[in-house]
Amino acid sequence: MVRIGQGFGDMKTTFLFDLDGTLLPLDQDSFVREYFKLLVPELVRFLPADRVAETVMESTRHMIADSSGQRTNREAFMQDFCKRVPADPDELTGLFDDFYRTKFSQLAWLVSPADEIARTIEILKGKGYELVCATNPIFPLSAIATRLGWIGLSPSDFLLVTSYEDMHFCKPDLNYYRETLRKINRRPDECIMVGNDVEEDIVACQLGIETFLVTPYAIDRGSGLVPDHRGTYANLLRFVEALPELGGRDACTQVG
């Protein structure tokens, strides 16, 4: 159910958007399966083909679980991966970087762009709201930019894009949201988080961030978290259409 405009007022300034399954309409399981079909040939000279996916996932889980805040997500992933794979760390780092700059774009066919998404972003920018691409930072900026391009967007459309080079926490760790808020200098009550994953996105409500669950690709693992708003892409579009305009803001001035 969508409660148009309820609970906003003039104090909301910033929309945080998840990427996969939210801005980017795709089935997560299909994406992961096809992603590894591309990645396995790049790593078979270091690992048996049947070990590539699990080894990458083990290091990804290590990165997500690292709540120390002492390393970037990229550092956490690569340090763990290099312990598991007998190869030169610089060579492995270069391999991943090259993969994301080149082969990764072949996954574009998995995406079915929704017209309502482009219109939603256009309206929010026109009304002066700040936009953050609050994707789980387990990928480099190059891969995120590629995926945004599939739906006609780019990092320049956002105040901040959370990538694994710059962030020190992953969803659903609340420190991910705290770090994001620090980077954009916003309070929780100034923001709304839009996402499709209850555990990873709607968890932002625990910091006082208002939430909108996008339902077409919704994932709910039974956490018991309840979004403030929920609905389809069309519902989200009507939701932002009802918002007031903000004055004097540049929604595309990026932060480092």
C-alpha atoms as a PDB file:
ATOM      1  CA  MET A   1       0.000   0.000   0.000  1.00  0.00           C
ATOM      2  CA  VAL A   2       1.289   3.462  -0.881  1.00  0.00           C
ATOM      3  CA  ARG A   3       0.484   6.440   1.314  1.00  0.00           C
ATOM      4  CA  ILE A   4       0.994   9.282  -1.121  1.00  0.00           C
ATOM      5  CA  GLY A   5       2.933  12.118   0.480  1.00  0.00           C
ATOM      6  CA  GLN A   6       2.193  11.004   4.031  1.00  0.00           C
ATOM      7  CA  GLY A   7       5.002  11.624   6.498  1.00  0.00           C
ATOM      8  CA  PHE A   8       7.126  13.830   4.250  1.00  0.00           C
ATOM      9  CA  GLY A   9       6.628  17.555   4.593  1.00  0.00           C
ATOM     10  CA  ASP A  10       9.457  19.866   3.547  1.00  0.00           C
ATOM     11  CA  MET A  11      12.197  18.161   5.551  1.00  0.00           C
ATOM     12  CA  LYS A  12      12.801  15.292   3.097  1.00  0.00           C
ATOM     13  CA  THR A  13      15.609  16.270   0.763  1.00  0.00           C
ATOM     14  CA  THR A  14      17.318  13.062  -0.327  1.00  0.00           C
ATOM     15  CA  PHE A  15      16.353   9.774  -1.976  1.00  0.00           C
ATOM     16  CA  LEU A  16      18.620   6.753  -1.569  1.00  0.00           C
ATOM     17  CA  PHE A  17      18.041   4.212  -4.335  1.00  0.00           C
ATOM     18  CA  ASP A  18      19.163   0.609  -4.325  1.00  0.00           C
ATOM     19  CA  LEU A  19      20.307  -0.592  -7.758  1.00  0.00           C
ATOM     20  CA  ASP A  20      19.757  -4.310  -8.488  1.00  0.00           C
ATOM     21  CA  GLY A  21      16.053  -5.111  -8.411  1.00  0.00           C
ATOM     22  CA  THR A  22      15.171  -1.462  -7.801  1.00  0.00           C
ATOM     23  CA  LEU A  23      16.524   1.056 -10.318  1.00  0.00           C
ATOM     24  CA  LEU A  24      17.710  -1.920 -12.337  1.00  0.00           C
ATOM     25  CA  PRO A  25      14.851  -4.349 -13.001  1.00  0.00           C
ATOM     26  CA  LEU A  26      16.372  -7.824 -12.970  1.00  0.00           C
ATOM     27  CA  ASP A  27      16.100 -11.211 -11.335  1.00  0.00           C
ATOM     28  CA  GLN A  28      18.967 -11.571  -8.870  1.00  0.00           C
ATOM     29  CA  ASP A  29      19.384 -15.349  -9.264  1.00  0.00           C
ATOM     30  CA  SER A  30      19.614 -15.099 -13.051  1.00  0.00           C
ATOM     31  CA  PHE A  31      22.098 -12.252 -12.788  1.00  0.00           C
ATOM     32  CA  VAL A  32      24.408 -14.192 -10.443  1.00  0.00           C
ATOM     33  CA  ARG A  33      24.247 -17.297 -12.638  1.00  0.00           C
ATOM     34  CA  GLU A  34      25.146 -15.406 -15.824  1.00  0.00           C
ATOM     35  CA  TYR A  35      27.766 -13.317 -14.033  1.00  0.00           C
ATOM     36  CA  PHE A  36      29.721 -16.429 -13.107  1.00  0.00           C
ATOM     37  CA  LYS A  37      29.426 -17.817 -16.627  1.00  0.00           C
ATOM     38  CA  LEU A  38      31.436 -14.787 -17.708  1.00  0.00           C
ATOM     39  CA  LEU A  39      33.840 -14.735 -14.764  1.00  0.00           C
ATOM     40  CA  VAL A  40      34.823 -18.411 -14.619  1.00  0.00           C
ATOM     41  CA  PRO A  41      36.865 -18.384 -17.871  1.00  0.00           C
ATOM     42  CA  GLU A  42      38.850 -15.430 -16.512  1.00  0.00           C
ATOM     43  CA  LEU A  43      39.942 -17.345 -13.410  1.00  0.00           C
ATOM     44  CA  VAL A  44      40.385 -20.950 -14.588  1.00  0.00           C
ATOM     45  CA  ARG A  45      44.138 -20.531 -14.875  1.00  0.00           C
ATOM     46  CA  PHE A  46      44.209 -19.934 -11.117  1.00  0.00           C
ATOM     47  CA  LEU A  47      41.387 -22.190  -9.889  1.00  0.00           C
ATOM     48  CA  PRO A  48      39.471 -25.278 -11.047  1.00  0.00           C
ATOM     49  CA  ALA A  49      36.351 -24.130 -12.883  1.00  0.00           C
ATOM     50  CA  ASP A  50      34.078 -25.750 -10.311  1.00  0.00           C
ATOM     51  CA  ARG A  51      35.761 -23.780  -7.510  1.00  0.00           C
ATOM     52  CA  VAL A  52      35.614 -20.281  -8.990  1.00  0.00           C
ATOM     53  CA  ALA A  53      32.095 -19.326  -7.974  1.00  0.00           C
ATOM     54  CA  GLU A  54      32.371 -20.612  -4.415  1.00  0.00           C
ATOM     55  CA  THR A  55      35.792 -19.016  -3.877  1.00  0.00           C
ATOM     56  CA  VAL A  56      34.557 -15.625  -5.079  1.00  0.00           C
ATOM     57  CA  MET A  57      31.451 -15.967  -2.912  1.00  0.00           C
ATOM     58  CA  GLU A  58      33.542 -16.921   0.137  1.00  0.00           C
ATOM     59  CA  SER A  59      35.586 -13.737  -0.229  1.00  0.00           C
ATOM     60  CA  THR A  60      32.433 -11.739  -0.881  1.00  0.00           C
ATOM     61  CA  ARG A  61      30.897 -13.076   2.332  1.00  0.00           C
ATOM     62  CA  HIS A  62      34.116 -12.172   4.145  1.00  0.00           C
ATOM     63  CA  MET A  63      33.886  -8.624   2.774  1.00  0.00           C
ATOM     64  CA  ILE A  64      30.240  -8.272   3.810  1.00  0.00           C
ATOM     65  CA  ALA A  65      30.974  -9.600   7.304  1.00  0.00           C
ATOM     66  CA  ASP A  66      33.952  -7.293   7.875  1.00  0.00           C
ATOM     67  CA  SER A  67      32.530  -4.646  10.202  1.00  0.00           C
ATOM     68  CA  SER A  68      35.883  -3.287  11.408  1.00  0.00           C
ATOM     69  CA  GLY A  69      35.724  -0.193   9.213  1.00  0.00           C
ATOM     70  CA  GLN A  70      39.518  -0.378   8.876  1.00  0.00           C
ATOM     71  CA  ARG A  71      39.571  -1.396   5.211  1.00  0.00           C
ATOM     72  CA  THR A  72      37.618  -0.466   2.128  1.00  0.00           C
ATOM     73  CA  ASN A  73      35.375  -3.224   0.845  1.00  0.00           C
ATOM     74  CA  ARG A  74      37.710  -3.698  -2.096  1.00  0.00           C
ATOM     75  CA  GLU A  75      40.666  -4.192   0.263  1.00  0.00           C
ATOM     76  CA  ALA A  76      38.697  -6.655   2.381  1.00  0.00           C
ATOM     77  CA  PHE A  77      37.669  -8.688  -0.664  1.00  0.00           C
ATOM     78  CA  MET A  78      41.049  -8.746  -2.399  1.00  0.00           C
ATOM     79  CA  GLN A  79      43.036  -9.514   0.756  1.00  0.00           C
ATOM     80  CA  ASP A  80      40.822 -12.515   1.479  1.00  0.00           C
ATOM     81  CA  PHE A  81      40.682 -13.665  -2.154  1.00  0.00           C
ATOM     82  CA  CYS A  82      44.460 -13.510  -2.487  1.00  0.00           C
ATOM     83  CA  LYS A  83      44.787 -15.792   0.542  1.00  0.00           C
ATOM     84  CA  ARG A  84      42.656 -18.383  -1.223  1.00  0.00           C
ATOM     85  CA  VAL A  85      44.211 -18.130  -4.691  1.00  0.00           C
ATOM     86  CA  PRO A  86      47.918 -18.829  -5.286  1.00  0.00           C
ATOM     87  CA  ALA A  87      48.673 -15.943  -7.620  1.00  0.00           C
ATOM     88  CA  ASP A  88      50.260 -12.511  -7.656  1.00  0.00           C
ATOM     89  CA  PRO A  89      47.885 -10.059  -5.919  1.00  0.00           C
ATOM     90  CA  ASP A  90      48.549  -7.318  -8.476  1.00  0.00           C
ATOM     91  CA  GLU A  91      47.726  -9.709 -11.308  1.00  0.00           C
ATOM     92  CA  LEU A  92      44.446 -10.731  -9.648  1.00  0.00           C
ATOM     93  CA  THR A  93      43.496  -7.135  -8.952  1.00  0.00           C
ATOM     94  CA  GLY A  94      44.189  -6.206 -12.565  1.00  0.00           C
ATOM     95  CA  LEU A  95      42.174  -9.191 -13.780  1.00  0.00           C
ATOM     96  CA  PHE A  96      39.082  -8.129 -11.842  1.00  0.00           C
ATOM     97  CA  ASP A  97      39.459  -4.496 -12.888  1.00  0.00           C
ATOM     98  CA  ASP A  98      39.735  -5.483 -16.545  1.00  0.00           C
ATOM     99  CA  PHE A  99      36.775  -7.858 -16.290  1.00  0.00           C
ATOM    100  CA  TYR A 100      34.500  -5.150 -14.920  1.00  0.00           C
ATOM    101  CA  ARG A 101      35.627  -2.641 -17.550  1.00  0.00           C
ATOM    102  CA  THR A 102      35.061  -5.024 -20.468  1.00  0.00           C
ATOM    103  CA  LYS A 103      33.287  -8.383 -20.167  1.00  0.00           C
ATOM    104  CA  PHE A 104      30.801  -7.301 -17.479  1.00  0.00           C
ATOM    105  CA  SER A 105      28.807  -5.230 -19.972  1.00  0.00           C
ATOM    106  CA  GLN A 106      27.701  -8.440 -21.727  1.00  0.00           C
ATOM    107  CA  LEU A 107      25.101  -8.944 -18.972  1.00  0.00           C
ATOM    108  CA  ALA A 108      22.950  -6.081 -20.264  1.00  0.00           C
ATOM    109  CA  TRP A 109      20.487  -8.507 -21.877  1.00  0.00           C
ATOM    110  CA  LEU A 110      19.262  -9.555 -18.421  1.00  0.00           C
ATOM    111  CA  VAL A 111      17.702  -6.138 -17.791  1.00  0.00           C
ATOM    112  CA  SER A 112      14.203  -5.057 -18.819  1.00  0.00           C
ATOM    113  CA  PRO A 113      14.153  -1.272 -18.257  1.00  0.00           C
ATOM    114  CA  ALA A 114      10.956   0.121 -16.720  1.00  0.00           C
ATOM    115  CA  ASP A 115       9.750   3.422 -18.196  1.00  0.00           C
ATOM    116  CA  GLU A 116       8.561   4.519 -14.753  1.00  0.00           C
ATOM    117  CA  ILE A 117      12.126   4.470 -13.396  1.00  0.00           C
ATOM    118  CA  ALA A 118      13.451   7.072 -15.819  1.00  0.00           C
ATOM    119  CA  ARG A 119      10.404   9.263 -15.196  1.00  0.00           C
ATOM    120  CA  THR A 120      10.759   8.897 -11.409  1.00  0.00           C
ATOM    121  CA  ILE A 121      14.385  10.066 -11.517  1.00  0.00           C
ATOM    122  CA  GLU A 122      13.516  12.897 -13.887  1.00  0.00           C
ATOM    123  CA  ILE A 123      10.763  14.192 -11.603  1.00  0.00           C
ATOM    124  CA  LEU A 124      12.862  14.008  -8.454  1.00  0.00           C
ATOM    125  CA  LYS A 125      15.738  15.886 -10.097  1.00  0.00           C
ATOM    126  CA  GLY A 126      13.323  18.456 -11.464  1.00  0.00           C
ATOM    127  CA  LYS A 127      11.886  19.038  -8.014  1.00  0.00           C
ATOM    128  CA  GLY A 128      15.329  19.519  -6.489  1.00  0.00           C
ATOM    129  CA  TYR A 129      15.737  16.304  -4.507  1.00  0.00           C
ATOM    130  CA  GLU A 130      19.216  14.891  -3.972  1.00  0.00           C
ATOM    131  CA  LEU A 131      19.745  11.376  -5.329  1.00  0.00           C
ATOM    132  CA  VAL A 132      22.091   8.698  -4.009  1.00  0.00           C
ATOM    133  CA  CYS A 133      22.787   5.388  -5.724  1.00  0.00           C
ATOM    134  CA  ALA A 134      22.804   3.363  -2.511  1.00  0.00           C
ATOM    135  CA  THR A 135      23.730   0.049  -4.068  1.00  0.00           C
ATOM    136  CA  ASN A 136      25.350  -2.588  -1.879  1.00  0.00           C
ATOM    137  CA  PRO A 137      29.038  -1.698  -2.417  1.00  0.00           C
ATOM    138  CA  ILE A 138      30.333  -5.096  -3.433  1.00  0.00           C
ATOM    139  CA  PHE A 139      31.230  -3.966  -6.974  1.00  0.00           C
ATOM    140  CA  PRO A 140      33.663  -1.344  -8.322  1.00  0.00           C
ATOM    141  CA  LEU A 141      32.422   1.982  -9.641  1.00  0.00           C
ATOM    142  CA  SER A 142      33.116   0.864 -13.219  1.00  0.00           C
ATOM    143  CA  ALA A 143      30.639  -2.030 -12.863  1.00  0.00           C
ATOM    144  CA  ILE A 144      28.042   0.217 -11.243  1.00  0.00           C
ATOM    145  CA  ALA A 145      28.430   2.804 -14.008  1.00  0.00           C
ATOM    146  CA  THR A 146      27.950   0.051 -16.589  1.00  0.00           C
ATOM    147  CA  ARG A 147      24.743  -1.128 -14.935  1.00  0.00           C
ATOM    148  CA  LEU A 148      23.399   2.416 -14.611  1.00  0.00           C
ATOM    149  CA  GLY A 149      24.061   2.845 -18.324  1.00  0.00           C
ATOM    150  CA  TRP A 150      21.720  -0.036 -19.084  1.00  0.00           C
ATOM    151  CA  ILE A 151      18.832   2.150 -17.874  1.00  0.00           C
ATOM    152  CA  GLY A 152      20.070   5.433 -19.322  1.00  0.00           C
ATOM    153  CA  LEU A 153      21.660   6.785 -16.131  1.00  0.00           C
ATOM    154  CA  SER A 154      25.227   7.537 -15.052  1.00  0.00           C
ATOM    155  CA  PRO A 155      27.077   8.273 -11.794  1.00  0.00           C
ATOM    156  CA  SER A 156      26.772  11.988 -12.604  1.00  0.00           C
ATOM    157  CA  ASP A 157      23.016  11.710 -11.987  1.00  0.00           C
ATOM    158  CA  PHE A 158      23.730  11.075  -8.298  1.00  0.00           C
ATOM    159  CA  LEU A 159      25.161  12.979  -5.400  1.00  0.00           C
ATOM    160  CA  LEU A 160      26.950   9.792  -4.336  1.00  0.00           C
ATOM    161  CA  VAL A 161      27.404   6.283  -5.705  1.00  0.00           C
ATOM    162  CA  THR A 162      28.447   3.782  -3.046  1.00  0.00           C
ATOM    163  CA  SER A 163      31.148   1.547  -4.549  1.00  0.00           C
ATOM    164  CA  TYR A 164      33.533  -0.960  -3.039  1.00  0.00           C
ATOM    165  CA  GLU A 165      36.537   1.294  -3.612  1.00  0.00           C
ATOM    166  CA  ASP A 166      35.204   3.969  -1.245  1.00  0.00           C
ATOM    167  CA  MET A 167      32.916   2.285   1.290  1.00  0.00           C
ATOM    168  CA  HIS A 168      33.966   0.393   4.422  1.00  0.00           C
ATOM    169  CA  PHE A 169      30.740  -1.505   5.167  1.00  0.00           C
ATOM    170  CA  CYS A 170      28.124  -3.496   3.270  1.00  0.00           C
ATOM    171  CA  LYS A 171      24.384  -3.910   3.648  1.00  0.00           C
ATOM    172  CA  PRO A 172      22.667  -4.912   5.885  1.00  0.00           C
ATOM    173  CA  ASP A 173      25.184  -3.478   8.375  1.00  0.00           C
ATOM    174  CA  LEU A 174      23.686  -0.228   9.659  1.00  0.00           C
ATOM    175  CA  ASN A 175      27.176   1.260   9.511  1.00  0.00           C
ATOM    176  CA  TYR A 176      26.765   1.233   5.725  1.00  0.00           C
ATOM    177  CA  TYR A 177      23.911   3.713   6.101  1.00  0.00           C
ATOM    178  CA  ARG A 178      25.755   5.728   8.730  1.00  0.00           C
ATOM    179  CA  GLU A 179      28.764   6.041   6.425  1.00  0.00           C
ATOM    180  CA  THR A 180      26.542   7.033   3.503  1.00  0.00           C
ATOM    181  CA  LEU A 181      24.808   9.707   5.579  1.00  0.00           C
ATOM    182  CA  ARG A 182      28.170  11.085   6.724  1.00  0.00           C
ATOM    183  CA  LYS A 183      29.392  11.326   3.140  1.00  0.00           C
ATOM    184  CA  ILE A 184      26.337  13.326   2.030  1.00  0.00           C
ATOM    185  CA  ASN A 185      26.013  15.254   5.301  1.00  0.00           C
ATOM    186  CA  ARG A 186      22.361  14.327   5.815  1.00  0.00           C
ATOM    187  CA  ARG A 187      20.353  13.220   8.856  1.00  0.00           C
ATOM    188  CA  PRO A 188      18.232  10.053   8.706  1.00  0.00           C
ATOM    189  CA  ASP A 189      15.003  12.054   8.915  1.00  0.00           C
ATOM    190  CA  GLU A 190      15.965  13.955   5.747  1.00  0.00           C
ATOM    191  CA  CYS A 191      16.114  10.779   3.659  1.00  0.00           C
ATOM    192  CA  ILE A 192      14.026   8.008   2.184  1.00  0.00           C
ATOM    193  CA  MET A 193      15.486   4.660   1.155  1.00  0.00           C
ATOM    194  CA  VAL A 194      13.941   2.969  -1.893  1.00  0.00           C
ATOM    195  CA  GLY A 195      14.799  -0.690  -2.364  1.00  0.00           C
ATOM    196  CA  ASN A 196      13.526  -4.173  -3.115  1.00  0.00           C
ATOM    197  CA  ASP A 197      15.297  -6.130  -0.357  1.00  0.00           C
ATOM    198  CA  VAL A 198      13.679  -6.004   3.072  1.00  0.00           C
ATOM    199  CA  GLU A 199      16.753  -7.145   4.988  1.00  0.00           C
ATOM    200  CA  GLU A 200      19.267  -4.980   3.112  1.00  0.00           C
ATOM    201  CA  ASP A 201      17.221  -1.874   2.263  1.00  0.00           C
ATOM    202  CA  ILE A 202      14.282  -1.593   4.632  1.00  0.00           C
ATOM    203  CA  VAL A 203      16.683  -2.145   7.541  1.00  0.00           C
ATOM    204  CA  ALA A 204      17.494   1.564   7.110  1.00  0.00           C
ATOM    205  CA  CYS A 205      14.306   2.238   9.068  1.00  0.00           C
ATOM    206  CA  GLN A 206      16.207   1.267  12.223  1.00  0.00           C
ATOM    207  CA  LEU A 207      18.164   4.518  11.887  1.00  0.00           C
ATOM    208  CA  GLY A 208      15.035   6.578  11.324  1.00  0.00           C
ATOM    209  CA  ILE A 209      15.226   6.628   7.517  1.00  0.00           C
ATOM    210  CA  GLU A 210      11.828   6.431   5.841  1.00  0.00           C
ATOM    211  CA  THR A 211      11.553   3.461   3.467  1.00  0.00           C
ATOM    212  CA  PHE A 212       9.772   2.436   0.283  1.00  0.00           C
ATOM    213  CA  LEU A 213       9.754  -1.241  -0.757  1.00  0.00           C
ATOM    214  CA  VAL A 214       9.561  -1.702  -4.537  1.00  0.00           C
ATOM    215  CA  THR A 215       7.616  -4.903  -5.055  1.00  0.00           C
ATOM    216  CA  PRO A 216       8.214  -6.354  -8.551  1.00  0.00           C
ATOM    217  CA  TYR A 217      11.525  -7.944  -7.479  1.00  0.00           C
ATOM    218  CA  ALA A 218      10.975  -7.840  -3.720  1.00  0.00           C
ATOM    219  CA  ILE A 219      13.102 -10.084  -1.495  1.00  0.00           C
ATOM    220  CA  ASP A 220      11.901 -10.829   2.027  1.00  0.00           C
ATOM    221  CA  ARG A 221      13.813 -13.344   4.137  1.00  0.00           C
ATOM    222  CA  GLY A 222      11.412 -13.060   7.048  1.00  0.00           C
ATOM    223  CA  SER A 223      13.222 -10.346   8.994  1.00  0.00           C
ATOM    224  CA  GLY A 224       9.936  -8.860  10.199  1.00  0.00           C
ATOM    225  CA  LEU A 225      10.900  -5.355   9.067  1.00  0.00           C
ATOM    226  CA  VAL A 226       7.979  -3.321   7.742  1.00  0.00           C
ATOM    227  CA  PRO A 227       8.452  -0.568   5.124  1.00  0.00           C
ATOM    228  CA  ASP A 228       6.713   2.774   5.489  1.00  0.00           C
ATOM    229  CA  HIS A 229       5.533   2.502   1.881  1.00  0.00           C
ATOM    230  CA  ARG A 230       5.408  -0.264  -0.696  1.00  0.00           C
ATOM    231  CA  GLY A 231       4.270  -0.644  -4.275  1.00  0.00           C
ATOM    232  CA  THR A 232       5.104  -1.175  -7.929  1.00  0.00           C
ATOM    233  CA  TYR A 233       7.186   1.122 -10.124  1.00  0.00           C
ATOM    234  CA  ALA A 234       3.965   2.851 -11.134  1.00  0.00           C
ATOM    235  CA  ASN A 235       3.092   3.372  -7.459  1.00  0.00           C
ATOM    236  CA  LEU A 236       6.549   4.834  -6.828  1.00  0.00           C
ATOM    237  CA  LEU A 237       6.104   7.205  -9.754  1.00  0.00           C
ATOM    238  CA  ARG A 238       2.783   8.460  -8.405  1.00  0.00           C
ATOM    239  CA  PHE A 239       4.410   8.788  -4.993  1.00  0.00           C
ATOM    240  CA  VAL A 240       7.122  11.171  -6.215  1.00  0.00           C
ATOM    241  CA  GLU A 241       4.667  13.057  -8.420  1.00  0.00           C
ATOM    242  CA  ALA A 242       2.803  14.034  -5.239  1.00  0.00           C
ATOM    243  CA  LEU A 243       5.911  15.392  -3.483  1.00  0.00           C
ATOM    244  CA  PRO A 244       6.490  19.123  -3.074  1.00  0.00           C
ATOM    245  CA  GLU A 245       9.203  20.914  -5.009  1.00  0.00           C
ATOM    246  CA  LEU A 246      12.362  21.921  -3.168  1.00  0.00           C
ATOM    247  CA  GLY A 247      14.121  25.186  -3.890  1.00  0.00           C
ATOM    248  CA  GLY A 248      17.777  26.042  -4.184  1.00  0.00           C
ATOM    249  CA  ARG A 249      19.256  22.522  -4.449  1.00  0.00           C
ATOM    250  CA  ASP A 250      21.461  20.960  -7.077  1.00  0.00           C
ATOM    251  CA  ALA A 251      20.717  17.221  -7.007  1.00  0.00           C
ATOM    252  CA  CYS A 252      23.732  16.357  -9.200  1.00  0.00           C
ATOM    253  CA  THR A 253      26.614  17.989  -7.309  1.00  0.00           C
ATOM    254  CA  GLN A 254      28.643  14.922  -6.385  1.00  0.00           C
ATOM    255  CA  VAL A 255      30.504  14.326  -3.171  1.00  0.00           C
ATOM    256  CA  GLY A 256      33.754  12.411  -2.884  1.00  0.00           C
END
